[in-house]
Amino acid sequence: MFSLLTGAYNSYLASPQLNIVLVGASGTGKTTTLERLK
């Protein structure tokens, strides 16, 4: 029972993972935007 509560608590506190796709023309700052988001 304790492990179930611990797992639920840890998943609640875990930071969400986001998948982002950056699409654009060459030289428009895609890499710069990605580095700033990190």
Protein backbone atom coordinates (compact mmCIF):
# COMPACT_ATOMS: atom_id res chain seq x y z
CA MET A 1 0.00 0.00 0.00
CA PHE A 2 2.84 2.37 0.88
CA SER A 3 4.55 1.81 -2.49
CA LEU A 4 1.30 2.66 -4.29
CA LEU A 5 1.05 5.97 -2.43
CA THR A 6 4.74 6.70 -2.99
CA GLY A 7 4.41 6.05 -6.73
CA ALA A 8 1.35 8.28 -7.00
CA TYR A 9 3.09 11.04 -5.03
CA ASN A 10 6.25 10.85 -7.17
CA SER A 11 4.31 10.92 -10.44
CA TYR A 12 2.32 13.92 -9.18
CA LEU A 13 5.52 15.83 -8.40
CA ALA A 14 7.39 14.78 -11.55
CA SER A 15 7.92 17.57 -14.03
CA PRO A 16 5.95 17.09 -17.24
CA GLN A 17 7.77 16.17 -20.43
CA LEU A 18 7.01 18.21 -23.53
CA ASN A 19 7.78 17.28 -27.11
CA ILE A 20 8.11 20.32 -29.36
CA VAL A 21 8.64 20.36 -33.12
CA LEU A 22 10.24 23.52 -34.51
CA VAL A 23 9.62 24.00 -38.23
CA GLY A 24 10.86 26.96 -40.21
CA ALA A 25 13.06 28.25 -42.98
CA SER A 26 16.83 28.20 -42.78
CA GLY A 27 18.33 30.97 -40.66
CA THR A 28 15.17 31.87 -38.74
CA GLY A 29 16.46 31.14 -35.22
CA LYS A 30 15.12 27.64 -34.56
CA THR A 31 18.25 26.56 -32.70
CA THR A 32 18.35 29.81 -30.71
CA THR A 33 14.73 29.34 -29.66
CA LEU A 34 15.41 25.73 -28.67
CA GLU A 35 18.42 26.71 -26.55
CA ARG A 36 16.42 29.43 -24.77
CA LEU A 37 13.64 26.95 -23.94
CA LYS A 38 16.14 24.60 -22.28
